[in-house]
């Protein structure tokens, strides 16, 4: 199974302390996925290229990494194959 960088739209809450809490991911095909839980937040490089603030998230029973590139763009490490 390979992983690729896939850019997504993200709905997020921005708090007065400057923190950001992503709530929902929307794929290019229109599919929406509510983020059930944020497991970890850290600054990190991605194994598929790119870097930024990494949110380790849970959607249903699946866990994945969501990255905020801090330039208005977000991506996930999507699994293919």
Protein backbone atom coordinates (compact mmCIF):
# COMPACT_ATOMS: atom_id res chain seq x y z
CA UNK A 1 0.00 0.00 0.00
CA UNK A 2 1.39 3.39 -0.97
CA UNK A 3 0.64 6.81 0.46
CA UNK A 4 0.26 10.07 -1.45
CA UNK A 5 -0.26 13.69 -0.56
CA UNK A 6 -3.88 14.67 -1.19
CA UNK A 7 -4.95 18.27 -0.62
CA UNK A 8 -8.29 18.66 1.17
CA UNK A 9 -10.62 21.43 2.33
CA UNK A 10 -10.87 21.69 6.10
CA UNK A 11 -13.49 23.26 8.36
CA UNK A 12 -11.81 24.38 11.55
CA UNK A 13 -12.42 26.44 14.69
CA UNK A 14 -9.89 29.16 15.47
CA UNK A 15 -9.66 30.10 19.14
CA UNK A 16 -8.76 33.47 20.68
CA UNK A 17 -5.48 31.98 21.95
CA UNK A 18 -4.40 31.34 18.34
CA UNK A 19 -5.00 27.60 18.38
CA UNK A 20 -6.79 25.81 15.56
CA UNK A 21 -9.04 22.76 15.85
CA UNK A 22 -9.94 21.03 12.57
CA UNK A 23 -13.49 19.63 12.60
CA UNK A 24 -14.19 18.25 9.12
CA UNK A 25 -12.33 17.20 5.96
CA UNK A 26 -13.82 17.58 2.46
CA UNK A 27 -12.30 15.73 -0.49
CA UNK A 28 -12.28 17.04 -4.07
CA UNK A 29 -15.13 14.64 -4.97
CA UNK A 30 -17.36 16.27 -2.33
CA UNK A 31 -17.09 13.54 0.31
CA UNK A 32 -17.12 14.91 3.87
CA UNK A 33 -15.59 13.28 6.93
CA UNK A 34 -16.13 14.55 10.46
CA UNK A 35 -13.05 14.36 12.66
CA UNK A 36 -14.03 12.36 15.74
CA UNK A 37 -10.90 13.01 17.77
CA UNK A 38 -7.56 14.79 17.57
CA UNK A 39 -5.02 12.39 19.07
CA UNK A 40 -1.85 14.47 18.83
CA UNK A 41 -0.61 17.82 17.50
CA UNK A 42 3.04 18.43 16.63
CA UNK A 43 5.24 20.17 14.08
CA UNK A 44 6.49 17.50 11.71
CA UNK A 45 7.60 16.55 8.20
CA UNK A 46 5.35 14.22 6.22
CA UNK A 47 6.57 10.92 4.79
CA UNK A 48 4.89 11.87 1.46
CA UNK A 49 6.61 15.26 1.19
CA UNK A 50 5.82 18.54 2.85
CA UNK A 51 5.80 19.74 6.41
CA UNK A 52 3.77 21.78 8.85
CA UNK A 53 1.57 21.22 11.86
CA UNK A 54 0.62 17.55 11.98
CA UNK A 55 -2.71 16.55 13.47
CA UNK A 56 -2.96 12.84 14.20
CA UNK A 57 -6.73 12.34 13.84
CA UNK A 58 -9.38 9.65 14.12
CA UNK A 59 -12.30 9.41 11.70
CA UNK A 60 -14.51 6.50 12.72
CA UNK A 61 -12.07 3.68 13.49
CA UNK A 62 -9.38 4.91 11.07
CA UNK A 63 -6.41 7.05 12.11
CA UNK A 64 -4.45 9.28 9.73
CA UNK A 65 -2.29 12.38 9.64
CA UNK A 66 -3.69 15.76 8.59
CA UNK A 67 -1.16 18.51 7.87
CA UNK A 68 -1.63 22.27 8.01
CA UNK A 69 1.07 23.75 5.75
CA UNK A 70 0.43 27.13 7.42
CA UNK A 71 -0.14 28.78 4.04
CA UNK A 72 -3.88 28.10 3.86
CA UNK A 73 -3.46 24.58 2.45
CA UNK A 74 -4.12 21.26 4.18
CA UNK A 75 -3.30 17.71 3.10
CA UNK A 76 -3.68 14.12 4.26
CA UNK A 77 -1.41 11.14 3.75
CA UNK A 78 -3.92 9.11 1.71
CA UNK A 79 -3.54 5.35 1.24
CA UNK A 80 -3.72 3.88 -2.29
CA UNK A 81 -3.53 0.29 -3.47
